[in-house]
């Protein structure tokens, strides 16, 4: 995804579903456990891992800091 900011195109960093699941597996957390740590609904983690939606930069940063 690209966003337009001050006449510059900036690529927004995201994580693909496999990266999210791999990180969660590395942390040895279930979807509900990861959701609890991020203070979000477990269904949200499921949607990220199935590619239905994607985490915002805030959650990407939080997950990467855990790992």
Protein backbone atom coordinates (compact mmCIF):
# COMPACT_ATOMS: atom_id res chain seq x y z
CA UNK A 1 0.00 0.00 0.00
CA UNK A 2 1.26 3.48 -0.81
CA UNK A 3 0.30 6.73 0.86
CA UNK A 4 0.74 10.22 -0.55
CA UNK A 5 2.44 12.67 1.79
CA UNK A 6 3.79 16.10 0.86
CA UNK A 7 4.06 15.23 -2.84
CA UNK A 8 6.08 12.10 -2.05
CA UNK A 9 4.99 8.50 -2.32
CA UNK A 10 5.89 6.54 0.78
CA UNK A 11 5.45 2.80 1.00
CA UNK A 12 3.61 1.85 4.17
CA UNK A 13 5.32 -1.13 5.80
CA UNK A 14 3.12 -4.06 6.62
CA UNK A 15 3.44 -7.74 7.53
CA UNK A 16 2.02 -10.48 5.38
CA UNK A 17 -0.11 -13.21 6.98
CA UNK A 18 2.73 -15.75 7.02
CA UNK A 19 5.07 -13.31 8.78
CA UNK A 20 2.46 -12.68 11.46
CA UNK A 21 1.88 -16.39 12.06
CA UNK A 22 5.61 -17.14 12.02
CA UNK A 23 6.27 -14.43 14.59
CA UNK A 24 3.42 -15.67 16.79
CA UNK A 25 4.78 -19.23 16.55
CA UNK A 26 8.28 -17.98 17.40
CA UNK A 27 6.84 -16.30 20.49
CA UNK A 28 5.03 -19.56 21.34
CA UNK A 29 1.71 -17.74 21.69
CA UNK A 30 -1.78 -18.74 20.66
CA UNK A 31 -3.94 -16.24 18.78
CA UNK A 32 -5.87 -15.36 21.97
CA UNK A 33 -2.62 -14.91 23.92
CA UNK A 34 -1.17 -12.56 21.29
CA UNK A 35 -4.46 -10.68 21.17
CA UNK A 36 -4.42 -10.29 24.95
CA UNK A 37 -0.89 -8.88 24.88
CA UNK A 38 -1.88 -6.43 22.15
CA UNK A 39 -5.21 -5.62 23.88
CA UNK A 40 -7.27 -6.54 20.82
CA UNK A 41 -9.90 -9.17 20.02
CA UNK A 42 -8.62 -12.67 19.16
CA UNK A 43 -10.64 -12.53 15.94
CA UNK A 44 -8.44 -9.64 14.81
CA UNK A 45 -5.30 -11.79 14.96
CA UNK A 46 -7.15 -14.50 13.06
CA UNK A 47 -8.11 -12.01 10.35
CA UNK A 48 -4.51 -10.82 10.05
CA UNK A 49 -3.24 -14.39 9.66
CA UNK A 50 -5.88 -15.18 7.03
CA UNK A 51 -5.13 -12.02 5.08
CA UNK A 52 -8.61 -10.57 5.56
CA UNK A 53 -7.19 -7.45 7.19
CA UNK A 54 -3.74 -6.16 8.11
CA UNK A 55 -2.30 -4.74 11.31
CA UNK A 56 -1.58 -1.03 11.59
CA UNK A 57 1.95 0.26 12.09
CA UNK A 58 1.32 0.48 15.84
CA UNK A 59 0.60 -3.25 16.10
CA UNK A 60 3.41 -4.19 13.71
CA UNK A 61 5.86 -2.30 15.90
CA UNK A 62 4.46 -3.86 19.09
CA UNK A 63 4.69 -7.39 17.66
CA UNK A 64 8.25 -6.89 16.40
CA UNK A 65 9.32 -5.59 19.81
CA UNK A 66 7.99 -8.78 21.41
CA UNK A 67 10.10 -10.96 19.11
